[in-house]
């Protein structure tokens, strides 16, 4: 059995994290603010429509717990850590859409 982190399951999520890692700090900060705002808006829509998920899944809960240990590269960057935590609590289809959007808008070859 292959042990993958929640963000390794989708190619776009891995690519988006790689893109975020290489962006200049000022651009990354602005993009992360936008990601947090979009994730917050999505959560609000789910609450208003009573479509909020009952659970985000054990894998992502464990990932949030492990963030406190600071073992992943993005845990050491406060703004990036907050954005990833925020996105990771969304339903899977929503966080995948956000990551695909990052990849499409910041396409790097």
PDB file of N, CA and C in Angstrom:
ATOM      1  N   UNK A   1       0.847  -1.186   0.000  1.00  0.00           N
ATOM      2  CA  UNK A   1       0.000   0.000   0.000  1.00  0.00           C
ATOM      3  C   UNK A   1       0.884   1.238   0.000  1.00  0.00           C
ATOM      4  N   UNK A   2       0.557   2.165  -0.844  1.00  0.00           N
ATOM      5  CA  UNK A   2       1.327   3.392  -0.959  1.00  0.00           C
ATOM      6  C   UNK A   2       0.796   4.422   0.038  1.00  0.00           C
ATOM      7  N   UNK A   3       1.679   4.985   0.828  1.00  0.00           N
ATOM      8  CA  UNK A   3       1.292   5.963   1.838  1.00  0.00           C
ATOM      9  C   UNK A   3       1.498   7.363   1.281  1.00  0.00           C
ATOM     10  N   UNK A   4       0.414   8.021   0.901  1.00  0.00           N
ATOM     11  CA  UNK A   4       0.496   9.360   0.335  1.00  0.00           C
ATOM     12  C   UNK A   4      -0.150  10.361   1.274  1.00  0.00           C
ATOM     13  N   UNK A   5       0.427  11.537   1.268  1.00  0.00           N
ATOM     14  CA  UNK A   5      -0.179  12.634   2.015  1.00  0.00           C
ATOM     15  C   UNK A   5      -1.403  13.112   1.248  1.00  0.00           C
ATOM     16  N   UNK A   6      -2.302  13.824   1.938  1.00  0.00           N
ATOM     17  CA  UNK A   6      -3.540  14.254   1.292  1.00  0.00           C
ATOM     18  C   UNK A   6      -3.258  15.089   0.056  1.00  0.00           C
ATOM     19  N   UNK A   7      -2.204  15.881   0.080  1.00  0.00           N
ATOM     20  CA  UNK A   7      -1.924  16.755  -1.055  1.00  0.00           C
ATOM     21  C   UNK A   7      -1.142  16.057  -2.166  1.00  0.00           C
ATOM     22  N   UNK A   8      -0.733  14.813  -1.959  1.00  0.00           N
ATOM     23  CA  UNK A   8      -0.045  14.059  -3.001  1.00  0.00           C
ATOM     24  C   UNK A   8      -1.002  13.290  -3.904  1.00  0.00           C
ATOM     25  N   UNK A   9      -2.255  13.231  -3.543  1.00  0.00           N
ATOM     26  CA  UNK A   9      -3.207  12.425  -4.301  1.00  0.00           C
ATOM     27  C   UNK A   9      -3.603  13.045  -5.629  1.00  0.00           C
ATOM     28  N   UNK A  10      -3.417  14.343  -5.760  1.00  0.00           N
ATOM     29  CA  UNK A  10      -3.796  15.035  -6.995  1.00  0.00           C
ATOM     30  C   UNK A  10      -2.571  15.757  -7.548  1.00  0.00           C
ATOM     31  N   UNK A  11      -2.298  15.498  -8.792  1.00  0.00           N
ATOM     32  CA  UNK A  11      -1.121  16.093  -9.444  1.00  0.00           C
ATOM     33  C   UNK A  11      -1.135  17.612  -9.358  1.00  0.00           C
ATOM     34  N   UNK A  12      -2.316  18.211  -9.525  1.00  0.00           N
ATOM     35  CA  UNK A  12      -2.417  19.662  -9.498  1.00  0.00           C
ATOM     36  C   UNK A  12      -2.069  20.235  -8.122  1.00  0.00           C
ATOM     37  N   UNK A  13      -2.400  19.504  -7.079  1.00  0.00           N
ATOM     38  CA  UNK A  13      -2.080  19.974  -5.733  1.00  0.00           C
ATOM     39  C   UNK A  13      -0.573  19.974  -5.532  1.00  0.00           C
ATOM     40  N   UNK A  14       0.087  18.927  -5.940  1.00  0.00           N
ATOM     41  CA  UNK A  14       1.554  18.884  -5.833  1.00  0.00           C
ATOM     42  C   UNK A  14       2.188  19.985  -6.665  1.00  0.00           C
ATOM     43  N   UNK A  15       1.684  20.174  -7.888  1.00  0.00           N
ATOM     44  CA  UNK A  15       2.229  21.224  -8.766  1.00  0.00           C
ATOM     45  C   UNK A  15       1.998  22.605  -8.166  1.00  0.00           C
ATOM     46  N   UNK A  16       0.813  22.843  -7.628  1.00  0.00           N
ATOM     47  CA  UNK A  16       0.521  24.150  -7.038  1.00  0.00           C
ATOM     48  C   UNK A  16       1.450  24.433  -5.864  1.00  0.00           C
ATOM     49  N   UNK A  17       1.705  23.435  -5.033  1.00  0.00           N
ATOM     50  CA  UNK A  17       2.618  23.630  -3.903  1.00  0.00           C
ATOM     51  C   UNK A  17       4.038  23.909  -4.393  1.00  0.00           C
ATOM     52  N   UNK A  18       4.447  23.231  -5.458  1.00  0.00           N
ATOM     53  CA  UNK A  18       5.768  23.499  -6.032  1.00  0.00           C
ATOM     54  C   UNK A  18       5.852  24.926  -6.572  1.00  0.00           C
ATOM     55  N   UNK A  19       4.783  25.370  -7.219  1.00  0.00           N
ATOM     56  CA  UNK A  19       4.747  26.742  -7.736  1.00  0.00           C
ATOM     57  C   UNK A  19       4.821  27.736  -6.583  1.00  0.00           C
ATOM     58  N   UNK A  20       4.016  27.507  -5.551  1.00  0.00           N
ATOM     59  CA  UNK A  20       4.018  28.409  -4.400  1.00  0.00           C
ATOM     60  C   UNK A  20       5.396  28.475  -3.748  1.00  0.00           C
ATOM     61  N   UNK A  21       6.074  27.362  -3.730  1.00  0.00           N
ATOM     62  CA  UNK A  21       7.403  27.297  -3.104  1.00  0.00           C
ATOM     63  C   UNK A  21       8.400  28.201  -3.816  1.00  0.00           C
ATOM     64  N   UNK A  22       8.247  28.354  -5.138  1.00  0.00           N
ATOM     65  CA  UNK A  22       9.246  29.080  -5.924  1.00  0.00           C
ATOM     66  C   UNK A  22       8.883  30.529  -6.213  1.00  0.00           C
ATOM     67  N   UNK A  23       7.694  30.966  -5.840  1.00  0.00           N
ATOM     68  CA  UNK A  23       7.291  32.346  -6.109  1.00  0.00           C
ATOM     69  C   UNK A  23       8.091  33.332  -5.266  1.00  0.00           C
ATOM     70  N   UNK A  24       8.307  34.532  -5.790  1.00  0.00           N
ATOM     71  CA  UNK A  24       8.918  35.578  -4.973  1.00  0.00           C
ATOM     72  C   UNK A  24       8.021  35.848  -3.753  1.00  0.00           C
ATOM     73  N   UNK A  25       8.605  36.160  -2.606  1.00  0.00           N
ATOM     74  CA  UNK A  25       7.834  36.313  -1.364  1.00  0.00           C
ATOM     75  C   UNK A  25       6.648  37.267  -1.459  1.00  0.00           C
ATOM     76  N   UNK A  26       6.791  38.408  -2.104  1.00  0.00           N
ATOM     77  CA  UNK A  26       5.688  39.376  -2.177  1.00  0.00           C
ATOM     78  C   UNK A  26       4.518  38.818  -2.980  1.00  0.00           C
ATOM     79  N   UNK A  27       4.816  38.185  -4.100  1.00  0.00           N
ATOM     80  CA  UNK A  27       3.764  37.588  -4.927  1.00  0.00           C
ATOM     81  C   UNK A  27       3.104  36.426  -4.202  1.00  0.00           C
ATOM     82  N   UNK A  28       3.927  35.590  -3.551  1.00  0.00           N
ATOM     83  CA  UNK A  28       3.379  34.454  -2.799  1.00  0.00           C
ATOM     84  C   UNK A  28       2.450  34.942  -1.693  1.00  0.00           C
ATOM     85  N   UNK A  29       2.850  35.989  -0.979  1.00  0.00           N
ATOM     86  CA  UNK A  29       2.019  36.517   0.105  1.00  0.00           C
ATOM     87  C   UNK A  29       0.657  36.967  -0.411  1.00  0.00           C
ATOM     88  N   UNK A  30       0.634  37.678  -1.525  1.00  0.00           N
ATOM     89  CA  UNK A  30      -0.634  38.148  -2.105  1.00  0.00           C
ATOM     90  C   UNK A  30      -1.498  36.969  -2.546  1.00  0.00           C
ATOM     91  N   UNK A  31      -0.881  36.007  -3.200  1.00  0.00           N
ATOM     92  CA  UNK A  31      -1.628  34.837  -3.663  1.00  0.00           C
ATOM     93  C   UNK A  31      -2.186  34.048  -2.487  1.00  0.00           C
ATOM     94  N   UNK A  32      -1.410  33.905  -1.430  1.00  0.00           N
ATOM     95  CA  UNK A  32      -1.879  33.169  -0.254  1.00  0.00           C
ATOM     96  C   UNK A  32      -3.042  33.880   0.420  1.00  0.00           C
ATOM     97  N   UNK A  33      -3.009  35.206   0.451  1.00  0.00           N
ATOM     98  CA  UNK A  33      -4.148  35.957   0.989  1.00  0.00           C
ATOM     99  C   UNK A  33      -5.401  35.676   0.164  1.00  0.00           C
ATOM    100  N   UNK A  34      -5.233  35.649  -1.154  1.00  0.00           N
ATOM    101  CA  UNK A  34      -6.370  35.362  -2.038  1.00  0.00           C
ATOM    102  C   UNK A  34      -6.892  33.945  -1.823  1.00  0.00           C
ATOM    103  N   UNK A  35      -5.993  32.987  -1.650  1.00  0.00           N
ATOM    104  CA  UNK A  35      -6.398  31.601  -1.412  1.00  0.00           C
ATOM    105  C   UNK A  35      -7.215  31.501  -0.124  1.00  0.00           C
ATOM    106  N   UNK A  36      -6.752  32.153   0.922  1.00  0.00           N
ATOM    107  CA  UNK A  36      -7.468  32.136   2.208  1.00  0.00           C
ATOM    108  C   UNK A  36      -8.839  32.763   2.053  1.00  0.00           C
ATOM    109  N   UNK A  37      -8.930  33.872   1.309  1.00  0.00           N
ATOM    110  CA  UNK A  37     -10.222  34.526   1.096  1.00  0.00           C
ATOM    111  C   UNK A  37     -11.181  33.649   0.300  1.00  0.00           C
ATOM    112  N   UNK A  38     -10.674  32.999  -0.741  1.00  0.00           N
ATOM    113  CA  UNK A  38     -11.520  32.116  -1.557  1.00  0.00           C
ATOM    114  C   UNK A  38     -11.998  30.931  -0.714  1.00  0.00           C
ATOM    115  N   UNK A  39     -11.090  30.339   0.050  1.00  0.00           N
ATOM    116  CA  UNK A  39     -11.470  29.202   0.897  1.00  0.00           C
ATOM    117  C   UNK A  39     -12.516  29.624   1.927  1.00  0.00           C
ATOM    118  N   UNK A  40     -12.359  30.805   2.497  1.00  0.00           N
ATOM    119  CA  UNK A  40     -13.351  31.308   3.454  1.00  0.00           C
ATOM    120  C   UNK A  40     -14.708  31.508   2.805  1.00  0.00           C
ATOM    121  N   UNK A  41     -14.715  32.036   1.577  1.00  0.00           N
ATOM    122  CA  UNK A  41     -15.978  32.237   0.860  1.00  0.00           C
ATOM    123  C   UNK A  41     -16.652  30.898   0.557  1.00  0.00           C
ATOM    124  N   UNK A  42     -15.864  29.907   0.176  1.00  0.00           N
ATOM    125  CA  UNK A  42     -16.419  28.580  -0.104  1.00  0.00           C
ATOM    126  C   UNK A  42     -17.030  27.987   1.163  1.00  0.00           C
ATOM    127  N   UNK A  43     -16.330  28.123   2.279  1.00  0.00           N
ATOM    128  CA  UNK A  43     -16.864  27.610   3.549  1.00  0.00           C
ATOM    129  C   UNK A  43     -18.168  28.298   3.915  1.00  0.00           C
ATOM    130  N   UNK A  44     -18.248  29.594   3.685  1.00  0.00           N
ATOM    131  CA  UNK A  44     -19.471  30.342   3.975  1.00  0.00           C
ATOM    132  C   UNK A  44     -20.630  29.840   3.120  1.00  0.00           C
ATOM    133  N   UNK A  45     -20.368  29.619   1.844  1.00  0.00           N
ATOM    134  CA  UNK A  45     -21.410  29.106   0.944  1.00  0.00           C
ATOM    135  C   UNK A  45     -21.891  27.740   1.416  1.00  0.00           C
ATOM    136  N   UNK A  46     -20.972  26.876   1.799  1.00  0.00           N
ATOM    137  CA  UNK A  46     -21.365  25.548   2.277  1.00  0.00           C
ATOM    138  C   UNK A  46     -22.217  25.652   3.553  1.00  0.00           C
ATOM    139  N   UNK A  47     -21.838  26.545   4.454  1.00  0.00           N
ATOM    140  CA  UNK A  47     -22.623  26.712   5.689  1.00  0.00           C
ATOM    141  C   UNK A  47     -24.013  27.250   5.378  1.00  0.00           C
ATOM    142  N   UNK A  48     -24.083  28.253   4.519  1.00  0.00           N
ATOM    143  CA  UNK A  48     -25.372  28.854   4.174  1.00  0.00           C
ATOM    144  C   UNK A  48     -26.290  27.873   3.456  1.00  0.00           C
ATOM    145  N   UNK A  49     -25.719  26.989   2.669  1.00  0.00           N
ATOM    146  CA  UNK A  49     -26.512  26.012   1.913  1.00  0.00           C
ATOM    147  C   UNK A  49     -26.649  24.678   2.650  1.00  0.00           C
ATOM    148  N   UNK A  50     -26.148  24.630   3.872  1.00  0.00           N
ATOM    149  CA  UNK A  50     -26.164  23.393   4.652  1.00  0.00           C
ATOM    150  C   UNK A  50     -25.535  22.228   3.909  1.00  0.00           C
ATOM    151  N   UNK A  51     -24.443  22.513   3.203  1.00  0.00           N
ATOM    152  CA  UNK A  51     -23.735  21.464   2.475  1.00  0.00           C
ATOM    153  C   UNK A  51     -22.328  21.248   3.029  1.00  0.00           C
ATOM    154  N   UNK A  52     -22.073  21.806   4.204  1.00  0.00           N
ATOM    155  CA  UNK A  52     -20.758  21.627   4.821  1.00  0.00           C
ATOM    156  C   UNK A  52     -20.559  20.148   5.133  1.00  0.00           C
ATOM    157  N   UNK A  53     -19.380  19.628   4.833  1.00  0.00           N
ATOM    158  CA  UNK A  53     -19.140  18.199   5.094  1.00  0.00           C
ATOM    159  C   UNK A  53     -19.118  17.912   6.593  1.00  0.00           C
ATOM    160  N   UNK A  54     -19.586  16.726   6.952  1.00  0.00           N
ATOM    161  CA  UNK A  54     -19.542  16.325   8.355  1.00  0.00           C
ATOM    162  C   UNK A  54     -18.125  15.997   8.784  1.00  0.00           C
ATOM    163  N   UNK A  55     -17.299  15.556   7.839  1.00  0.00           N
ATOM    164  CA  UNK A  55     -15.921  15.188   8.155  1.00  0.00           C
ATOM    165  C   UNK A  55     -15.038  15.495   6.959  1.00  0.00           C
ATOM    166  N   UNK A  56     -13.805  15.891   7.224  1.00  0.00           N
ATOM    167  CA  UNK A  56     -12.852  16.111   6.138  1.00  0.00           C
ATOM    168  C   UNK A  56     -11.992  14.874   5.913  1.00  0.00           C
ATOM    169  N   UNK A  57     -12.170  13.874   6.738  1.00  0.00           N
ATOM    170  CA  UNK A  57     -11.434  12.623   6.590  1.00  0.00           C
ATOM    171  C   UNK A  57     -10.261  12.527   7.548  1.00  0.00           C
ATOM    172  N   UNK A  58     -10.000  11.314   7.935  1.00  0.00           N
ATOM    173  CA  UNK A  58      -8.940  11.043   8.906  1.00  0.00           C
ATOM    174  C   UNK A  58      -7.576  11.509   8.421  1.00  0.00           C
ATOM    175  N   UNK A  59      -7.290  11.279   7.142  1.00  0.00           N
ATOM    176  CA  UNK A  59      -6.002  11.661   6.573  1.00  0.00           C
ATOM    177  C   UNK A  59      -5.722  13.150   6.752  1.00  0.00           C
ATOM    178  N   UNK A  60      -6.714  13.969   6.442  1.00  0.00           N
ATOM    179  CA  UNK A  60      -6.504  15.418   6.551  1.00  0.00           C
ATOM    180  C   UNK A  60      -6.495  15.876   7.997  1.00  0.00           C
ATOM    181  N   UNK A  61      -7.246  15.230   8.854  1.00  0.00           N
ATOM    182  CA  UNK A  61      -7.198  15.574  10.281  1.00  0.00           C
ATOM    183  C   UNK A  61      -5.804  15.286  10.827  1.00  0.00           C
ATOM    184  N   UNK A  62      -5.252  14.145  10.456  1.00  0.00           N
ATOM    185  CA  UNK A  62      -3.893  13.822  10.891  1.00  0.00           C
ATOM    186  C   UNK A  62      -2.890  14.819  10.327  1.00  0.00           C
ATOM    187  N   UNK A  63      -3.100  15.244   9.099  1.00  0.00           N
ATOM    188  CA  UNK A  63      -2.228  16.249   8.495  1.00  0.00           C
ATOM    189  C   UNK A  63      -2.264  17.559   9.253  1.00  0.00           C
ATOM    190  N   UNK A  64      -3.453  17.972   9.689  1.00  0.00           N
ATOM    191  CA  UNK A  64      -3.569  19.199  10.475  1.00  0.00           C
ATOM    192  C   UNK A  64      -2.852  19.049  11.809  1.00  0.00           C
ATOM    193  N   UNK A  65      -2.976  17.890  12.413  1.00  0.00           N
ATOM    194  CA  UNK A  65      -2.302  17.626  13.680  1.00  0.00           C
ATOM    195  C   UNK A  65      -0.782  17.682  13.491  1.00  0.00           C
ATOM    196  N   UNK A  66      -0.306  17.089  12.426  1.00  0.00           N
ATOM    197  CA  UNK A  66       1.137  17.041  12.188  1.00  0.00           C
ATOM    198  C   UNK A  66       1.717  18.398  11.832  1.00  0.00           C
ATOM    199  N   UNK A  67       0.887  19.320  11.392  1.00  0.00           N
ATOM    200  CA  UNK A  67       1.356  20.665  11.097  1.00  0.00           C
ATOM    201  C   UNK A  67       2.002  21.289  12.322  1.00  0.00           C
ATOM    202  N   UNK A  68       1.484  20.981  13.491  1.00  0.00           N
ATOM    203  CA  UNK A  68       2.041  21.530  14.723  1.00  0.00           C
ATOM    204  C   UNK A  68       3.467  21.062  14.965  1.00  0.00           C
ATOM    205  N   UNK A  69       3.842  19.940  14.376  1.00  0.00           N
ATOM    206  CA  UNK A  69       5.202  19.426  14.541  1.00  0.00           C
ATOM    207  C   UNK A  69       6.190  20.129  13.617  1.00  0.00           C
ATOM    208  N   UNK A  70       5.675  20.811  12.590  1.00  0.00           N
ATOM    209  CA  UNK A  70       6.532  21.566  11.682  1.00  0.00           C
ATOM    210  C   UNK A  70       7.460  20.717  10.839  1.00  0.00           C
ATOM    211  N   UNK A  71       7.021  19.534  10.438  1.00  0.00           N
ATOM    212  CA  UNK A  71       7.887  18.623   9.691  1.00  0.00           C
ATOM    213  C   UNK A  71       7.888  18.878   8.187  1.00  0.00           C
ATOM    214  N   UNK A  72       6.840  19.473   7.666  1.00  0.00           N
ATOM    215  CA  UNK A  72       6.782  19.718   6.224  1.00  0.00           C
ATOM    216  C   UNK A  72       7.379  21.084   5.911  1.00  0.00           C
ATOM    217  N   UNK A  73       7.861  21.242   4.695  1.00  0.00           N
ATOM    218  CA  UNK A  73       8.531  22.484   4.332  1.00  0.00           C
ATOM    219  C   UNK A  73       7.615  23.686   4.483  1.00  0.00           C
ATOM    220  N   UNK A  74       6.323  23.534   4.184  1.00  0.00           N
ATOM    221  CA  UNK A  74       5.428  24.685   4.257  1.00  0.00           C
ATOM    222  C   UNK A  74       4.999  25.024   5.681  1.00  0.00           C
ATOM    223  N   UNK A  75       5.210  24.117   6.621  1.00  0.00           N
ATOM    224  CA  UNK A  75       4.874  24.403   8.019  1.00  0.00           C
ATOM    225  C   UNK A  75       5.781  25.483   8.604  1.00  0.00           C
ATOM    226  N   UNK A  76       6.942  25.653   8.019  1.00  0.00           N
ATOM    227  CA  UNK A  76       7.922  26.604   8.532  1.00  0.00           C
ATOM    228  C   UNK A  76       7.681  28.027   8.028  1.00  0.00           C
ATOM    229  N   UNK A  77       6.754  28.182   7.099  1.00  0.00           N
ATOM    230  CA  UNK A  77       6.417  29.496   6.549  1.00  0.00           C
ATOM    231  C   UNK A  77       4.986  29.817   6.984  1.00  0.00           C
ATOM    232  N   UNK A  78       4.850  30.730   7.908  1.00  0.00           N
ATOM    233  CA  UNK A  78       3.563  30.999   8.566  1.00  0.00           C
ATOM    234  C   UNK A  78       2.429  31.261   7.578  1.00  0.00           C
ATOM    235  N   UNK A  79       2.650  32.154   6.616  1.00  0.00           N
ATOM    236  CA  UNK A  79       1.574  32.482   5.679  1.00  0.00           C
ATOM    237  C   UNK A  79       1.174  31.287   4.830  1.00  0.00           C
ATOM    238  N   UNK A  80       2.146  30.531   4.389  1.00  0.00           N
ATOM    239  CA  UNK A  80       1.864  29.344   3.585  1.00  0.00           C
ATOM    240  C   UNK A  80       1.183  28.266   4.420  1.00  0.00           C
ATOM    241  N   UNK A  81       1.623  28.100   5.637  1.00  0.00           N
ATOM    242  CA  UNK A  81       1.029  27.105   6.531  1.00  0.00           C
ATOM    243  C   UNK A  81      -0.451  27.403   6.776  1.00  0.00           C
ATOM    244  N   UNK A  82      -0.775  28.664   7.023  1.00  0.00           N
ATOM    245  CA  UNK A  82      -2.173  29.049   7.262  1.00  0.00           C
ATOM    246  C   UNK A  82      -3.020  28.772   6.015  1.00  0.00           C
ATOM    247  N   UNK A  83      -2.512  29.129   4.854  1.00  0.00           N
ATOM    248  CA  UNK A  83      -3.267  28.914   3.616  1.00  0.00           C
ATOM    249  C   UNK A  83      -3.497  27.426   3.363  1.00  0.00           C
ATOM    250  N   UNK A  84      -2.474  26.609   3.556  1.00  0.00           N
ATOM    251  CA  UNK A  84      -2.612  25.169   3.324  1.00  0.00           C
ATOM    252  C   UNK A  84      -3.581  24.563   4.328  1.00  0.00           C
ATOM    253  N   UNK A  85      -3.502  24.968   5.585  1.00  0.00           N
ATOM    254  CA  UNK A  85      -4.457  24.463   6.586  1.00  0.00           C
ATOM    255  C   UNK A  85      -5.885  24.836   6.194  1.00  0.00           C
ATOM    256  N   UNK A  86      -6.065  26.066   5.742  1.00  0.00           N
ATOM    257  CA  UNK A  86      -7.400  26.531   5.364  1.00  0.00           C
ATOM    258  C   UNK A  86      -7.946  25.719   4.191  1.00  0.00           C
ATOM    259  N   UNK A  87      -7.137  25.524   3.183  1.00  0.00           N
ATOM    260  CA  UNK A  87      -7.565  24.769   2.001  1.00  0.00           C
ATOM    261  C   UNK A  87      -7.793  23.297   2.350  1.00  0.00           C
ATOM    262  N   UNK A  88      -6.968  22.764   3.240  1.00  0.00           N
ATOM    263  CA  UNK A  88      -7.068  21.334   3.537  1.00  0.00           C
ATOM    264  C   UNK A  88      -8.343  20.969   4.282  1.00  0.00           C
ATOM    265  N   UNK A  89      -9.047  21.945   4.824  1.00  0.00           N
ATOM    266  CA  UNK A  89     -10.296  21.651   5.523  1.00  0.00           C
ATOM    267  C   UNK A  89     -11.515  21.770   4.615  1.00  0.00           C
ATOM    268  N   UNK A  90     -11.297  22.103   3.358  1.00  0.00           N
ATOM    269  CA  UNK A  90     -12.394  22.167   2.387  1.00  0.00           C
ATOM    270  C   UNK A  90     -12.717  20.761   1.876  1.00  0.00           C
ATOM    271  N   UNK A  91     -13.914  20.576   1.336  1.00  0.00           N
ATOM    272  CA  UNK A  91     -14.188  19.319   0.648  1.00  0.00           C
ATOM    273  C   UNK A  91     -13.164  19.115  -0.475  1.00  0.00           C
ATOM    274  N   UNK A  92     -12.864  17.872  -0.760  1.00  0.00           N
ATOM    275  CA  UNK A  92     -11.817  17.543  -1.723  1.00  0.00           C
ATOM    276  C   UNK A  92     -11.999  18.245  -3.066  1.00  0.00           C
ATOM    277  N   UNK A  93     -13.199  18.251  -3.599  1.00  0.00           N
ATOM    278  CA  UNK A  93     -13.408  18.870  -4.910  1.00  0.00           C
ATOM    279  C   UNK A  93     -13.098  20.365  -4.875  1.00  0.00           C
ATOM    280  N   UNK A  94     -13.362  21.015  -3.758  1.00  0.00           N
ATOM    281  CA  UNK A  94     -13.087  22.449  -3.649  1.00  0.00           C
ATOM    282  C   UNK A  94     -11.594  22.733  -3.593  1.00  0.00           C
ATOM    283  N   UNK A  95     -10.846  21.978  -2.768  1.00  0.00           N
ATOM    284  CA  UNK A  95      -9.410  22.271  -2.715  1.00  0.00           C
ATOM    285  C   UNK A  95      -8.720  21.897  -4.020  1.00  0.00           C
ATOM    286  N   UNK A  96      -9.209  20.856  -4.692  1.00  0.00           N
ATOM    287  CA  UNK A  96      -8.632  20.498  -5.988  1.00  0.00           C
ATOM    288  C   UNK A  96      -8.889  21.625  -6.994  1.00  0.00           C
ATOM    289  N   UNK A  97     -10.086  22.200  -6.985  1.00  0.00           N
ATOM    290  CA  UNK A  97     -10.384  23.315  -7.890  1.00  0.00           C
ATOM    291  C   UNK A  97      -9.479  24.512  -7.624  1.00  0.00           C
ATOM    292  N   UNK A  98      -9.225  24.817  -6.364  1.00  0.00           N
ATOM    293  CA  UNK A  98      -8.331  25.932  -6.029  1.00  0.00           C
ATOM    294  C   UNK A  98      -6.929  25.640  -6.541  1.00  0.00           C
ATOM    295  N   UNK A  99      -6.446  24.440  -6.311  1.00  0.00           N
ATOM    296  CA  UNK A  99      -5.096  24.087  -6.749  1.00  0.00           C
ATOM    297  C   UNK A  99      -4.986  24.075  -8.275  1.00  0.00           C
ATOM    298  N   UNK A 100      -6.030  23.598  -8.957  1.00  0.00           N
ATOM    299  CA  UNK A 100      -6.026  23.640 -10.416  1.00  0.00           C
ATOM    300  C   UNK A 100      -5.993  25.084 -10.904  1.00  0.00           C
ATOM    301  N   UNK A 101      -6.725  25.965 -10.225  1.00  0.00           N
ATOM    302  CA  UNK A 101      -6.725  27.380 -10.585  1.00  0.00           C
ATOM    303  C   UNK A 101      -5.346  28.003 -10.442  1.00  0.00           C
ATOM    304  N   UNK A 102      -4.641  27.641  -9.382  1.00  0.00           N
ATOM    305  CA  UNK A 102      -3.278  28.147  -9.190  1.00  0.00           C
ATOM    306  C   UNK A 102      -2.390  27.667 -10.344  1.00  0.00           C
ATOM    307  N   UNK A 103      -2.499  26.398 -10.667  1.00  0.00           N
ATOM    308  CA  UNK A 103      -1.679  25.833 -11.743  1.00  0.00           C
ATOM    309  C   UNK A 103      -1.974  26.499 -13.082  1.00  0.00           C
ATOM    310  N   UNK A 104      -3.236  26.717 -13.371  1.00  0.00           N
ATOM    311  CA  UNK A 104      -3.607  27.331 -14.647  1.00  0.00           C
ATOM    312  C   UNK A 104      -3.167  28.787 -14.711  1.00  0.00           C
ATOM    313  N   UNK A 105      -3.320  29.520 -13.621  1.00  0.00           N
ATOM    314  CA  UNK A 105      -3.003  30.951 -13.670  1.00  0.00           C
ATOM    315  C   UNK A 105      -1.512  31.230 -13.556  1.00  0.00           C
ATOM    316  N   UNK A 106      -0.760  30.317 -12.981  1.00  0.00           N
ATOM    317  CA  UNK A 106       0.680  30.516 -12.820  1.00  0.00           C
ATOM    318  C   UNK A 106       1.470  29.413 -13.515  1.00  0.00           C
ATOM    319  N   UNK A 107       0.982  29.001 -14.660  1.00  0.00           N
ATOM    320  CA  UNK A 107       1.578  27.879 -15.367  1.00  0.00           C
ATOM    321  C   UNK A 107       3.069  28.099 -15.535  1.00  0.00           C
ATOM    322  N   UNK A 108       3.821  27.095 -15.093  1.00  0.00           N
ATOM    323  CA  UNK A 108       5.279  27.108 -15.215  1.00  0.00           C
ATOM    324  C   UNK A 108       5.689  25.847 -15.954  1.00  0.00           C
ATOM    325  N   UNK A 109       6.491  26.001 -16.966  1.00  0.00           N
ATOM    326  CA  UNK A 109       6.930  24.828 -17.741  1.00  0.00           C
ATOM    327  C   UNK A 109       8.300  24.392 -17.340  1.00  0.00           C
TER     328      UNK A 109
END
